[in-house]
Amino acid sequence: MTEASTRIEGEIVSWDDEKGFGFAAAPSVGGDIFVHAKFLRARHVRPAIGDRVTFVLAEGRNGRAAATDIQIVGAPPAQPPRAPASRASKERLSALDVSRLAAAVALLLVVAAAVVAGRAPAWVAGLYAGMGIVSGLLYWVDKRYAVEGRLRVREMSLHLSDILFGIAGGLFAQHVFRHKTRKLSFRYITRLIFLTHALLLTAVLSGMIRFP
């Protein structure tokens, strides 16, 4: 981007917090101005529709007006650094990380046992393995985009890939990449998906559910 030298004042007219971008309007500039979260001065605060902002006008990659060095007028200052996590808290987080890995391994072992016992066809194991790779790659991409401030993978897409037999890969990716492990709502849905697959596979292994 090529930056101008003066700051411009405008107002946020649209904002998608999940994607991390929106548009602002300014009386001195014609048309909407692209606003991205990675150019916010204070990363701890996200703008909302109606917020006043000041920024430096720049030219985006597609030639349209874009904002950089964005400051939200009246935004609260950043919170002081948090105190280091207690030993008990670290131990709880470590236990959760281990439980994700253990859950992924246990699920794959049940799949393998069902195939070996003749309760499930071999393609079921291939389905869990293939979709596990797909799910793991989606988590990796989302983690990388989060670090780079780029457009994120939708949480619904991550959940959907887990539901569609990729849950073992999703749990493994959460453990390896330390990603999507703190948001409670995401963790609860992941647990529900895991429990659903665990119950279905247990039913298959016990003969309660039979393949034609």
N, C-alpha and C. Protein backbone atom coordinates (compact mmCIF):
# COMPACT_ATOMS: atom_id res chain seq x y z
N MET A 1 0.82 -1.21 0.00
CA MET A 1 0.00 0.00 0.00
C MET A 1 0.86 1.26 0.00
N THR A 2 0.34 2.31 -0.65
CA THR A 2 1.02 3.60 -0.67
C THR A 2 0.26 4.55 0.22
N GLU A 3 0.84 4.99 1.33
CA GLU A 3 0.13 5.77 2.33
C GLU A 3 0.14 7.26 2.00
N ALA A 4 -0.97 7.93 2.37
CA ALA A 4 -1.01 9.38 2.33
C ALA A 4 -0.35 9.90 3.60
N SER A 5 -0.20 11.24 3.67
CA SER A 5 0.54 11.81 4.80
C SER A 5 -0.38 12.33 5.89
N THR A 6 -1.67 12.51 5.63
CA THR A 6 -2.56 13.10 6.62
C THR A 6 -3.58 12.08 7.10
N ARG A 7 -4.03 12.29 8.34
CA ARG A 7 -5.04 11.38 8.91
C ARG A 7 -6.43 11.87 8.53
N ILE A 8 -7.32 10.92 8.34
CA ILE A 8 -8.69 11.19 7.94
C ILE A 8 -9.62 10.64 9.00
N GLU A 9 -10.73 11.35 9.25
CA GLU A 9 -11.71 10.87 10.21
C GLU A 9 -12.91 10.31 9.45
N GLY A 10 -13.41 9.18 9.93
CA GLY A 10 -14.57 8.57 9.29
C GLY A 10 -15.39 7.79 10.29
N GLU A 11 -16.35 7.03 9.76
CA GLU A 11 -17.25 6.24 10.60
C GLU A 11 -17.41 4.84 10.02
N ILE A 12 -17.37 3.85 10.90
CA ILE A 12 -17.56 2.47 10.47
C ILE A 12 -19.01 2.28 10.04
N VAL A 13 -19.22 1.85 8.79
CA VAL A 13 -20.59 1.67 8.29
C VAL A 13 -20.95 0.19 8.14
N SER A 14 -19.95 -0.69 8.13
CA SER A 14 -20.21 -2.14 8.14
C SER A 14 -19.00 -2.83 8.74
N TRP A 15 -19.26 -3.96 9.44
CA TRP A 15 -18.15 -4.68 10.08
C TRP A 15 -18.53 -6.14 10.29
N ASP A 16 -17.66 -7.05 9.86
CA ASP A 16 -17.82 -8.49 10.08
C ASP A 16 -16.71 -8.92 11.03
N ASP A 17 -17.07 -9.10 12.32
CA ASP A 17 -16.04 -9.37 13.31
C ASP A 17 -15.40 -10.73 13.12
N GLU A 18 -16.16 -11.70 12.61
CA GLU A 18 -15.60 -13.04 12.41
C GLU A 18 -14.53 -13.01 11.32
N LYS A 19 -14.78 -12.25 10.25
CA LYS A 19 -13.81 -12.16 9.16
C LYS A 19 -12.74 -11.11 9.43
N GLY A 20 -13.05 -10.16 10.33
CA GLY A 20 -12.05 -9.17 10.69
C GLY A 20 -11.92 -8.01 9.72
N PHE A 21 -12.97 -7.70 8.99
CA PHE A 21 -12.89 -6.53 8.11
C PHE A 21 -14.26 -5.91 7.92
N GLY A 22 -14.25 -4.69 7.37
CA GLY A 22 -15.50 -3.98 7.10
C GLY A 22 -15.20 -2.75 6.26
N PHE A 23 -16.08 -1.76 6.35
CA PHE A 23 -15.91 -0.54 5.55
C PHE A 23 -16.24 0.69 6.39
N ALA A 24 -15.58 1.78 6.05
CA ALA A 24 -15.80 3.06 6.72
C ALA A 24 -16.16 4.10 5.67
N ALA A 25 -16.89 5.12 6.10
CA ALA A 25 -17.23 6.25 5.24
C ALA A 25 -16.62 7.51 5.83
N ALA A 26 -16.11 8.37 4.96
CA ALA A 26 -15.52 9.64 5.40
C ALA A 26 -16.00 10.75 4.47
N PRO A 27 -16.43 11.90 5.02
CA PRO A 27 -16.94 12.99 4.18
C PRO A 27 -15.93 13.46 3.14
N SER A 28 -14.64 13.39 3.48
CA SER A 28 -13.62 13.91 2.57
C SER A 28 -13.20 12.91 1.51
N VAL A 29 -13.74 11.67 1.59
CA VAL A 29 -13.36 10.63 0.63
C VAL A 29 -14.63 10.05 0.02
N GLY A 30 -14.66 9.94 -1.26
CA GLY A 30 -15.83 9.36 -1.91
C GLY A 30 -15.81 7.85 -1.87
N GLY A 31 -16.96 7.26 -1.62
CA GLY A 31 -17.05 5.80 -1.60
C GLY A 31 -16.61 5.21 -0.27
N ASP A 32 -16.88 3.91 -0.11
CA ASP A 32 -16.50 3.22 1.12
C ASP A 32 -15.01 2.90 1.13
N ILE A 33 -14.45 2.90 2.33
CA ILE A 33 -13.02 2.65 2.52
C ILE A 33 -12.85 1.31 3.23
N PHE A 34 -12.06 0.43 2.67
CA PHE A 34 -11.85 -0.90 3.24
C PHE A 34 -11.06 -0.80 4.55
N VAL A 35 -11.55 -1.49 5.58
CA VAL A 35 -10.92 -1.48 6.90
C VAL A 35 -10.65 -2.92 7.32
N HIS A 36 -9.40 -3.22 7.68
CA HIS A 36 -9.03 -4.57 8.12
C HIS A 36 -8.45 -4.53 9.53
N ALA A 37 -8.77 -5.57 10.30
CA ALA A 37 -8.36 -5.61 11.70
C ALA A 37 -6.85 -5.57 11.88
N LYS A 38 -6.09 -6.08 10.91
CA LYS A 38 -4.64 -6.12 11.08
C LYS A 38 -4.00 -4.73 11.04
N PHE A 39 -4.76 -3.73 10.59
CA PHE A 39 -4.23 -2.36 10.55
C PHE A 39 -4.72 -1.51 11.72
N LEU A 40 -5.38 -2.14 12.70
CA LEU A 40 -5.82 -1.41 13.89
C LEU A 40 -4.62 -1.10 14.77
N ARG A 41 -4.57 0.10 15.30
CA ARG A 41 -3.50 0.46 16.22
C ARG A 41 -3.59 -0.35 17.50
N ALA A 42 -4.82 -0.46 18.04
CA ALA A 42 -5.05 -1.22 19.27
C ALA A 42 -5.72 -2.53 18.88
N ARG A 43 -4.95 -3.61 18.86
CA ARG A 43 -5.49 -4.89 18.42
C ARG A 43 -6.47 -5.49 19.43
N HIS A 44 -6.47 -4.96 20.68
CA HIS A 44 -7.33 -5.54 21.71
C HIS A 44 -8.77 -5.08 21.58
N VAL A 45 -9.05 -4.11 20.71
CA VAL A 45 -10.41 -3.59 20.53
C VAL A 45 -10.80 -3.73 19.07
N ARG A 46 -11.98 -4.27 18.83
CA ARG A 46 -12.51 -4.35 17.47
C ARG A 46 -13.56 -3.26 17.27
N PRO A 47 -13.64 -2.68 16.09
CA PRO A 47 -14.63 -1.63 15.85
C PRO A 47 -16.03 -2.22 15.73
N ALA A 48 -17.03 -1.34 15.82
CA ALA A 48 -18.43 -1.72 15.63
C ALA A 48 -19.07 -0.65 14.74
N ILE A 49 -20.18 -1.00 14.14
CA ILE A 49 -20.87 -0.05 13.26
C ILE A 49 -21.23 1.21 14.06
N GLY A 50 -20.89 2.36 13.51
CA GLY A 50 -21.14 3.63 14.17
C GLY A 50 -19.93 4.21 14.88
N ASP A 51 -18.88 3.41 15.08
CA ASP A 51 -17.67 3.92 15.74
C ASP A 51 -16.97 4.95 14.85
N ARG A 52 -16.46 5.99 15.51
CA ARG A 52 -15.64 6.97 14.81
C ARG A 52 -14.21 6.48 14.77
N VAL A 53 -13.56 6.61 13.65
CA VAL A 53 -12.18 6.17 13.51
C VAL A 53 -11.37 7.23 12.77
N THR A 54 -10.07 7.23 13.05
CA THR A 54 -9.14 8.03 12.25
C THR A 54 -8.15 7.07 11.62
N PHE A 55 -7.68 7.42 10.44
CA PHE A 55 -6.80 6.50 9.72
C PHE A 55 -6.01 7.26 8.66
N VAL A 56 -5.05 6.56 8.10
CA VAL A 56 -4.29 7.08 6.97
C VAL A 56 -4.81 6.38 5.71
N LEU A 57 -5.18 7.17 4.73
CA LEU A 57 -5.74 6.61 3.50
C LEU A 57 -4.63 6.00 2.66
N ALA A 58 -4.92 4.83 2.11
CA ALA A 58 -3.94 4.13 1.28
C ALA A 58 -4.66 3.49 0.11
N GLU A 59 -3.88 2.98 -0.80
CA GLU A 59 -4.44 2.29 -1.97
C GLU A 59 -4.28 0.80 -1.77
N GLY A 60 -5.39 0.07 -1.77
CA GLY A 60 -5.35 -1.38 -1.59
C GLY A 60 -4.81 -2.09 -2.81
N ARG A 61 -4.65 -3.40 -2.68
CA ARG A 61 -4.10 -4.20 -3.77
C ARG A 61 -4.96 -4.17 -5.02
N ASN A 62 -6.28 -4.05 -4.82
CA ASN A 62 -7.18 -4.02 -5.97
C ASN A 62 -7.43 -2.61 -6.48
N GLY A 63 -6.70 -1.65 -5.96
CA GLY A 63 -6.81 -0.28 -6.43
C GLY A 63 -7.85 0.56 -5.72
N ARG A 64 -8.65 -0.05 -4.82
CA ARG A 64 -9.67 0.72 -4.13
C ARG A 64 -9.11 1.33 -2.84
N ALA A 65 -9.84 2.32 -2.32
CA ALA A 65 -9.37 3.01 -1.11
C ALA A 65 -9.37 2.06 0.08
N ALA A 66 -8.31 2.12 0.87
CA ALA A 66 -8.18 1.28 2.06
C ALA A 66 -7.59 2.11 3.18
N ALA A 67 -7.86 1.69 4.41
CA ALA A 67 -7.37 2.41 5.59
C ALA A 67 -6.21 1.65 6.22
N THR A 68 -5.23 2.40 6.72
CA THR A 68 -4.14 1.81 7.48
C THR A 68 -3.87 2.69 8.70
N ASP A 69 -3.12 2.17 9.66
CA ASP A 69 -2.86 2.90 10.91
C ASP A 69 -4.17 3.41 11.51
N ILE A 70 -5.12 2.48 11.72
CA ILE A 70 -6.48 2.83 12.14
C ILE A 70 -6.55 2.97 13.66
N GLN A 71 -7.17 4.06 14.10
CA GLN A 71 -7.38 4.28 15.53
C GLN A 71 -8.86 4.51 15.79
N ILE A 72 -9.43 3.74 16.73
CA ILE A 72 -10.83 3.91 17.10
C ILE A 72 -10.93 5.04 18.12
N VAL A 73 -11.73 6.06 17.81
CA VAL A 73 -11.86 7.22 18.70
C VAL A 73 -12.54 6.77 20.00
N GLY A 74 -11.89 7.06 21.13
CA GLY A 74 -12.46 6.72 22.43
C GLY A 74 -12.28 5.28 22.84
N ALA A 75 -11.44 4.54 22.12
CA ALA A 75 -11.22 3.13 22.48
C ALA A 75 -10.50 3.05 23.82
N PRO A 76 -10.88 2.10 24.68
CA PRO A 76 -10.21 1.96 25.99
C PRO A 76 -8.78 1.49 25.81
N PRO A 77 -7.90 1.87 26.72
CA PRO A 77 -6.50 1.45 26.62
C PRO A 77 -6.38 -0.06 26.83
N ALA A 78 -5.28 -0.60 26.37
CA ALA A 78 -5.03 -2.03 26.53
C ALA A 78 -4.92 -2.39 28.01
N GLN A 79 -5.42 -3.56 28.35
CA GLN A 79 -5.32 -4.03 29.73
C GLN A 79 -3.88 -4.39 30.06
N PRO A 80 -3.48 -4.20 31.32
CA PRO A 80 -2.12 -4.60 31.69
C PRO A 80 -1.93 -6.10 31.51
N PRO A 81 -0.70 -6.53 31.30
CA PRO A 81 -0.45 -7.96 31.12
C PRO A 81 -0.99 -8.78 32.28
N ARG A 82 -1.55 -9.93 31.93
CA ARG A 82 -2.09 -10.80 32.97
C ARG A 82 -0.97 -11.44 33.78
N ALA A 83 -1.32 -11.71 35.01
CA ALA A 83 -0.35 -12.40 35.86
C ALA A 83 -0.10 -13.80 35.31
N PRO A 84 1.08 -14.31 35.48
CA PRO A 84 1.37 -15.66 34.98
C PRO A 84 0.38 -16.67 35.55
N ALA A 85 0.02 -17.61 34.71
CA ALA A 85 -0.94 -18.63 35.14
C ALA A 85 -0.38 -19.44 36.30
N SER A 86 -1.26 -19.79 37.21
CA SER A 86 -0.84 -20.57 38.36
C SER A 86 -0.45 -21.98 37.92
N ARG A 87 0.24 -22.67 38.82
CA ARG A 87 0.66 -24.03 38.50
C ARG A 87 -0.55 -24.94 38.29
N ALA A 88 -1.58 -24.75 39.12
CA ALA A 88 -2.79 -25.56 38.98
C ALA A 88 -3.47 -25.31 37.65
N SER A 89 -3.51 -24.03 37.22
CA SER A 89 -4.12 -23.69 35.95
C SER A 89 -3.35 -24.32 34.79
N LYS A 90 -2.02 -24.26 34.86
CA LYS A 90 -1.20 -24.87 33.82
C LYS A 90 -1.42 -26.37 33.76
N GLU A 91 -1.55 -26.98 34.94
CA GLU A 91 -1.76 -28.43 34.98
C GLU A 91 -3.11 -28.80 34.36
N ARG A 92 -4.15 -27.96 34.60
CA ARG A 92 -5.46 -28.23 34.02
C ARG A 92 -5.41 -28.13 32.50
N LEU A 93 -4.72 -27.09 31.99
CA LEU A 93 -4.59 -26.93 30.55
C LEU A 93 -3.81 -28.08 29.93
N SER A 94 -2.75 -28.51 30.62
CA SER A 94 -1.96 -29.63 30.13
C SER A 94 -2.79 -30.91 30.09
N ALA A 95 -3.64 -31.10 31.12
CA ALA A 95 -4.50 -32.28 31.15
C ALA A 95 -5.50 -32.26 30.00
N LEU A 96 -6.03 -31.06 29.68
CA LEU A 96 -6.97 -30.94 28.57
C LEU A 96 -6.29 -31.26 27.24
N ASP A 97 -5.03 -30.79 27.08
CA ASP A 97 -4.29 -31.08 25.86
C ASP A 97 -4.09 -32.59 25.70
N VAL A 98 -3.71 -33.26 26.78
CA VAL A 98 -3.50 -34.70 26.75
C VAL A 98 -4.81 -35.43 26.46
N SER A 99 -5.91 -34.94 27.03
CA SER A 99 -7.19 -35.60 26.82
C SER A 99 -7.62 -35.54 25.36
N ARG A 100 -7.31 -34.44 24.67
CA ARG A 100 -7.64 -34.35 23.24
C ARG A 100 -6.89 -35.40 22.44
N LEU A 101 -5.61 -35.51 22.72
CA LEU A 101 -4.79 -36.50 22.01
C LEU A 101 -5.27 -37.91 22.32
N ALA A 102 -5.56 -38.17 23.60
CA ALA A 102 -6.03 -39.50 24.01
C ALA A 102 -7.37 -39.82 23.35
N ALA A 103 -8.25 -38.83 23.26
CA ALA A 103 -9.56 -39.04 22.64
C ALA A 103 -9.42 -39.37 21.17
N ALA A 104 -8.51 -38.66 20.47
CA ALA A 104 -8.29 -38.93 19.04
C ALA A 104 -7.77 -40.35 18.84
N VAL A 105 -6.79 -40.76 19.65
CA VAL A 105 -6.21 -42.09 19.53
C VAL A 105 -7.26 -43.16 19.86
N ALA A 106 -8.03 -42.94 20.92
CA ALA A 106 -9.05 -43.90 21.32
C ALA A 106 -10.09 -44.10 20.22
N LEU A 107 -10.48 -43.00 19.60
CA LEU A 107 -11.49 -43.09 18.53
C LEU A 107 -10.97 -43.92 17.36
N LEU A 108 -9.71 -43.68 16.98
CA LEU A 108 -9.13 -44.44 15.86
C LEU A 108 -8.94 -45.91 16.22
N LEU A 109 -8.64 -46.19 17.48
CA LEU A 109 -8.49 -47.58 17.91
C LEU A 109 -9.83 -48.32 17.84
N VAL A 110 -10.92 -47.64 18.21
CA VAL A 110 -12.24 -48.26 18.12
C VAL A 110 -12.61 -48.53 16.67
N VAL A 111 -12.28 -47.58 15.78
CA VAL A 111 -12.52 -47.78 14.35
C VAL A 111 -11.75 -49.01 13.86
N ALA A 112 -10.46 -49.08 14.21
CA ALA A 112 -9.64 -50.21 13.79
C ALA A 112 -10.18 -51.53 14.34
N ALA A 113 -10.61 -51.53 15.60
CA ALA A 113 -11.14 -52.74 16.22
C ALA A 113 -12.42 -53.19 15.52
N ALA A 114 -13.27 -52.24 15.14
CA ALA A 114 -14.52 -52.57 14.46
C ALA A 114 -14.24 -53.19 13.10
N VAL A 115 -13.24 -52.69 12.40
CA VAL A 115 -12.89 -53.24 11.08
C VAL A 115 -12.28 -54.63 11.23
N VAL A 116 -11.35 -54.79 12.17
CA VAL A 116 -10.69 -56.09 12.39
C VAL A 116 -11.71 -57.15 12.82
N ALA A 117 -12.68 -56.74 13.64
CA ALA A 117 -13.68 -57.68 14.12
C ALA A 117 -14.75 -57.98 13.07
N GLY A 118 -14.67 -57.32 11.95
CA GLY A 118 -15.65 -57.55 10.90
C GLY A 118 -16.97 -56.85 11.12
N ARG A 119 -17.01 -55.95 12.08
CA ARG A 119 -18.24 -55.21 12.37
C ARG A 119 -18.45 -54.03 11.42
N ALA A 120 -17.35 -53.55 10.82
CA ALA A 120 -17.42 -52.41 9.91
C ALA A 120 -16.53 -52.68 8.71
N PRO A 121 -16.91 -52.24 7.52
CA PRO A 121 -16.08 -52.43 6.33
C PRO A 121 -14.82 -51.56 6.39
N ALA A 122 -13.83 -51.91 5.60
CA ALA A 122 -12.54 -51.20 5.63
C ALA A 122 -12.68 -49.74 5.22
N TRP A 123 -13.67 -49.45 4.37
CA TRP A 123 -13.79 -48.07 3.91
C TRP A 123 -14.13 -47.10 5.04
N VAL A 124 -14.71 -47.63 6.14
CA VAL A 124 -15.00 -46.76 7.29
C VAL A 124 -13.70 -46.22 7.89
N ALA A 125 -12.70 -47.09 8.01
CA ALA A 125 -11.39 -46.65 8.52
C ALA A 125 -10.77 -45.64 7.57
N GLY A 126 -10.89 -45.91 6.27
CA GLY A 126 -10.35 -44.96 5.28
C GLY A 126 -11.05 -43.62 5.34
N LEU A 127 -12.36 -43.64 5.63
CA LEU A 127 -13.13 -42.40 5.72
C LEU A 127 -12.67 -41.57 6.91
N TYR A 128 -12.49 -42.21 8.07
CA TYR A 128 -12.02 -41.49 9.25
C TYR A 128 -10.61 -40.95 9.04
N ALA A 129 -9.76 -41.75 8.39
CA ALA A 129 -8.38 -41.31 8.16
C ALA A 129 -8.33 -40.14 7.17
N GLY A 130 -9.05 -40.28 6.05
CA GLY A 130 -9.03 -39.22 5.03
C GLY A 130 -9.63 -37.92 5.52
N MET A 131 -10.80 -38.00 6.16
CA MET A 131 -11.42 -36.78 6.66
C MET A 131 -10.66 -36.21 7.85
N GLY A 132 -9.96 -37.08 8.58
CA GLY A 132 -9.12 -36.58 9.67
C GLY A 132 -8.01 -35.69 9.14
N ILE A 133 -7.44 -36.08 8.00
CA ILE A 133 -6.39 -35.26 7.37
C ILE A 133 -6.98 -33.93 6.91
N VAL A 134 -8.15 -33.99 6.29
CA VAL A 134 -8.81 -32.76 5.82
C VAL A 134 -9.08 -31.81 6.99
N SER A 135 -9.62 -32.36 8.06
CA SER A 135 -9.93 -31.54 9.23
C SER A 135 -8.67 -30.94 9.84
N GLY A 136 -7.61 -31.75 9.95
CA GLY A 136 -6.35 -31.25 10.49
C GLY A 136 -5.78 -30.11 9.66
N LEU A 137 -5.89 -30.23 8.33
CA LEU A 137 -5.39 -29.17 7.44
C LEU A 137 -6.19 -27.88 7.61
N LEU A 138 -7.50 -28.00 7.82
CA LEU A 138 -8.32 -26.80 8.02
C LEU A 138 -7.92 -26.07 9.30
N TYR A 139 -7.65 -26.83 10.36
CA TYR A 139 -7.20 -26.21 11.61
C TYR A 139 -5.84 -25.53 11.41
N TRP A 140 -4.96 -26.18 10.67
CA TRP A 140 -3.63 -25.61 10.42
C TRP A 140 -3.75 -24.30 9.64
N VAL A 141 -4.60 -24.30 8.61
CA VAL A 141 -4.80 -23.08 7.81
C VAL A 141 -5.38 -21.97 8.67
N ASP A 142 -6.38 -22.29 9.50
CA ASP A 142 -7.01 -21.28 10.36
C ASP A 142 -6.01 -20.71 11.35
N LYS A 143 -5.17 -21.57 11.91
CA LYS A 143 -4.14 -21.11 12.86
C LYS A 143 -3.17 -20.17 12.16
N ARG A 144 -2.74 -20.54 10.98
CA ARG A 144 -1.79 -19.72 10.24
C ARG A 144 -2.40 -18.37 9.87
N TYR A 145 -3.66 -18.39 9.40
CA TYR A 145 -4.33 -17.15 9.02
C TYR A 145 -4.55 -16.25 10.24
N ALA A 146 -4.82 -16.85 11.40
CA ALA A 146 -5.01 -16.07 12.62
C ALA A 146 -3.73 -15.32 12.97
N VAL A 147 -2.59 -15.98 12.84
CA VAL A 147 -1.30 -15.36 13.15
C VAL A 147 -1.00 -14.23 12.17
N GLU A 148 -1.37 -14.44 10.89
CA GLU A 148 -1.06 -13.46 9.85
C GLU A 148 -2.11 -12.36 9.73
N GLY A 149 -3.21 -12.47 10.49
CA GLY A 149 -4.26 -11.47 10.42
C GLY A 149 -5.07 -11.54 9.14
N ARG A 150 -5.13 -12.72 8.53
CA ARG A 150 -5.86 -12.88 7.27
C ARG A 150 -7.27 -13.41 7.53
N LEU A 151 -8.05 -13.52 6.45
CA LEU A 151 -9.42 -14.00 6.54
C LEU A 151 -9.43 -15.42 7.09
N ARG A 152 -10.19 -15.64 8.18
CA ARG A 152 -10.17 -16.91 8.89
C ARG A 152 -11.11 -17.95 8.28
N VAL A 153 -10.84 -19.21 8.60
CA VAL A 153 -11.75 -20.30 8.28
C VAL A 153 -12.94 -20.22 9.24
N ARG A 154 -14.14 -20.33 8.74
CA ARG A 154 -15.32 -20.23 9.59
C ARG A 154 -15.36 -21.38 10.60
N GLU A 155 -15.78 -21.07 11.81
CA GLU A 155 -15.90 -22.10 12.83
C GLU A 155 -16.86 -23.19 12.38
N MET A 156 -17.92 -22.81 11.66
CA MET A 156 -18.87 -23.80 11.17
C MET A 156 -18.19 -24.81 10.24
N SER A 157 -17.23 -24.33 9.45
CA SER A 157 -16.51 -25.23 8.54
C SER A 157 -15.65 -26.21 9.33
N LEU A 158 -15.03 -25.74 10.42
CA LEU A 158 -14.23 -26.63 11.26
C LEU A 158 -15.12 -27.69 11.92
N HIS A 159 -16.26 -27.26 12.44
CA HIS A 159 -17.18 -28.20 13.08
C HIS A 159 -17.72 -29.20 12.06
N LEU A 160 -18.04 -28.71 10.86
CA LEU A 160 -18.60 -29.59 9.83
C LEU A 160 -17.60 -30.66 9.41
N SER A 161 -16.33 -30.27 9.26
CA SER A 161 -15.31 -31.26 8.89
C SER A 161 -15.13 -32.30 10.00
N ASP A 162 -15.28 -31.86 11.26
CA ASP A 162 -15.20 -32.81 12.38
C ASP A 162 -16.39 -33.76 12.38
N ILE A 163 -17.58 -33.21 12.13
CA ILE A 163 -18.79 -34.04 12.10
C ILE A 163 -18.69 -35.09 11.00
N LEU A 164 -18.19 -34.68 9.83
CA LEU A 164 -18.11 -35.58 8.68
C LEU A 164 -16.88 -36.48 8.79
N PHE A 165 -16.74 -37.15 9.95
CA PHE A 165 -15.74 -38.19 10.20
C PHE A 165 -14.31 -37.67 10.35
N GLY A 166 -14.14 -36.33 10.51
CA GLY A 166 -12.80 -35.79 10.68
C GLY A 166 -12.45 -35.45 12.12
N ILE A 167 -13.28 -35.91 13.08
CA ILE A 167 -13.12 -35.50 14.48
C ILE A 167 -11.77 -35.92 15.07
N ALA A 168 -11.27 -37.11 14.71
CA ALA A 168 -9.96 -37.53 15.25
C ALA A 168 -8.86 -36.58 14.78
N GLY A 169 -8.89 -36.20 13.51
CA GLY A 169 -7.90 -35.26 13.00
C GLY A 169 -8.06 -33.88 13.60
N GLY A 170 -9.32 -33.47 13.85
CA GLY A 170 -9.55 -32.17 14.47
C GLY A 170 -9.01 -32.11 15.88
N LEU A 171 -9.24 -33.17 16.67
CA LEU A 171 -8.71 -33.21 18.03
C LEU A 171 -7.19 -33.23 18.03
N PHE A 172 -6.62 -33.99 17.11
CA PHE A 172 -5.16 -34.06 17.01
C PHE A 172 -4.58 -32.69 16.65
N ALA A 173 -5.24 -31.99 15.71
CA ALA A 173 -4.77 -30.66 15.29
C ALA A 173 -4.90 -29.65 16.43
N GLN A 174 -5.99 -29.71 17.20
CA GLN A 174 -6.13 -28.82 18.35
C GLN A 174 -4.98 -29.01 19.33
N HIS A 175 -4.59 -30.26 19.54
CA HIS A 175 -3.49 -30.57 20.46
C HIS A 175 -2.14 -30.08 19.90
N VAL A 176 -1.87 -30.37 18.65
CA VAL A 176 -0.57 -30.04 18.06
C VAL A 176 -0.40 -28.55 17.86
N PHE A 177 -1.42 -27.88 17.32
CA PHE A 177 -1.30 -26.46 16.98
C PHE A 177 -1.75 -25.53 18.11
N ARG A 178 -2.22 -26.11 19.25
CA ARG A 178 -2.73 -25.30 20.37
C ARG A 178 -3.75 -24.28 19.85
N HIS A 179 -4.72 -24.80 19.06
CA HIS A 179 -5.67 -23.92 18.37
C HIS A 179 -7.10 -24.31 18.73
N LYS A 180 -7.94 -23.30 18.94
CA LYS A 180 -9.34 -23.49 19.30
C LYS A 180 -9.48 -24.28 20.59
N THR A 181 -8.61 -24.02 21.55
CA THR A 181 -8.62 -24.78 22.80
C THR A 181 -9.12 -23.96 23.99
N ARG A 182 -9.38 -22.68 23.81
CA ARG A 182 -9.76 -21.82 24.94
C ARG A 182 -11.22 -21.37 24.87
N LYS A 183 -11.77 -21.27 23.67
CA LYS A 183 -13.16 -20.80 23.53
C LYS A 183 -14.11 -21.88 24.00
N LEU A 184 -14.88 -21.60 25.08
CA LEU A 184 -15.72 -22.62 25.70
C LEU A 184 -16.76 -23.18 24.75
N SER A 185 -17.44 -22.31 23.99
CA SER A 185 -18.50 -22.78 23.10
C SER A 185 -17.95 -23.73 22.05
N PHE A 186 -16.75 -23.43 21.55
CA PHE A 186 -16.13 -24.29 20.54
C PHE A 186 -15.77 -25.64 21.16
N ARG A 187 -15.23 -25.60 22.39
CA ARG A 187 -14.84 -26.84 23.07
C ARG A 187 -16.05 -27.72 23.34
N TYR A 188 -17.18 -27.12 23.73
CA TYR A 188 -18.39 -27.90 24.04
C TYR A 188 -18.91 -28.61 22.79
N ILE A 189 -18.91 -27.89 21.66
CA ILE A 189 -19.39 -28.50 20.42
C ILE A 189 -18.45 -29.62 19.98
N THR A 190 -17.14 -29.41 20.14
CA THR A 190 -16.18 -30.45 19.80
C THR A 190 -16.41 -31.70 20.65
N ARG A 191 -16.67 -31.51 21.94
CA ARG A 191 -16.93 -32.66 22.82
C ARG A 191 -18.20 -33.39 22.39
N LEU A 192 -19.22 -32.64 22.02
CA LEU A 192 -20.48 -33.25 21.59
C LEU A 192 -20.26 -34.09 20.32
N ILE A 193 -19.47 -33.56 19.39
CA ILE A 193 -19.17 -34.30 18.15
C ILE A 193 -18.40 -35.58 18.49
N PHE A 194 -17.41 -35.46 19.37
CA PHE A 194 -16.63 -36.63 19.76
C PHE A 194 -17.51 -37.69 20.42
N LEU A 195 -18.35 -37.28 21.36
CA LEU A 195 -19.22 -38.23 22.06
C LEU A 195 -20.18 -38.93 21.09
N THR A 196 -20.69 -38.18 20.12
CA THR A 196 -21.59 -38.76 19.13
C THR A 196 -20.90 -39.87 18.34
N HIS A 197 -19.68 -39.57 17.86
CA HIS A 197 -18.94 -40.57 17.10
C HIS A 197 -18.52 -41.74 17.98
N ALA A 198 -18.14 -41.44 19.22
CA ALA A 198 -17.73 -42.51 20.14
C ALA A 198 -18.88 -43.47 20.41
N LEU A 199 -20.08 -42.93 20.62
CA LEU A 199 -21.25 -43.77 20.89
C LEU A 199 -21.62 -44.60 19.67
N LEU A 200 -21.59 -43.98 18.48
CA LEU A 200 -21.93 -44.70 17.26
C LEU A 200 -20.93 -45.83 16.98
N LEU A 201 -19.66 -45.55 17.17
CA LEU A 201 -18.64 -46.57 16.93
C LEU A 201 -18.72 -47.70 17.96
N THR A 202 -19.02 -47.35 19.19
CA THR A 202 -19.20 -48.38 20.22
C THR A 202 -20.38 -49.28 19.88
N ALA A 203 -21.45 -48.67 19.37
CA ALA A 203 -22.61 -49.46 18.95
C ALA A 203 -22.28 -50.38 17.79
N VAL A 204 -21.45 -49.90 16.87
CA VAL A 204 -21.01 -50.72 15.74
C VAL A 204 -20.15 -51.88 16.23
N LEU A 205 -19.21 -51.58 17.11
CA LEU A 205 -18.30 -52.61 17.62
C LEU A 205 -19.06 -53.68 18.42
N SER A 206 -20.10 -53.28 19.14
CA SER A 206 -20.86 -54.23 19.95
C SER A 206 -21.89 -55.00 19.14
N GLY A 207 -22.10 -54.59 17.89
CA GLY A 207 -23.07 -55.27 17.04
C GLY A 207 -24.46 -54.70 17.11
N MET A 208 -24.66 -53.63 17.88
CA MET A 208 -25.97 -53.01 17.96
C MET A 208 -26.33 -52.33 16.63
N ILE A 209 -25.32 -51.80 15.95
CA ILE A 209 -25.52 -51.23 14.60
C ILE A 209 -24.74 -52.11 13.63
N ARG A 210 -25.43 -52.56 12.59
CA ARG A 210 -24.79 -53.46 11.62
C ARG A 210 -24.80 -52.84 10.24
N PHE A 211 -23.73 -53.06 9.51
CA PHE A 211 -23.66 -52.62 8.12
C PHE A 211 -24.28 -53.70 7.23
N PRO A 212 -24.96 -53.29 6.18
CA PRO A 212 -25.58 -54.28 5.29
C PRO A 212 -24.53 -55.14 4.56
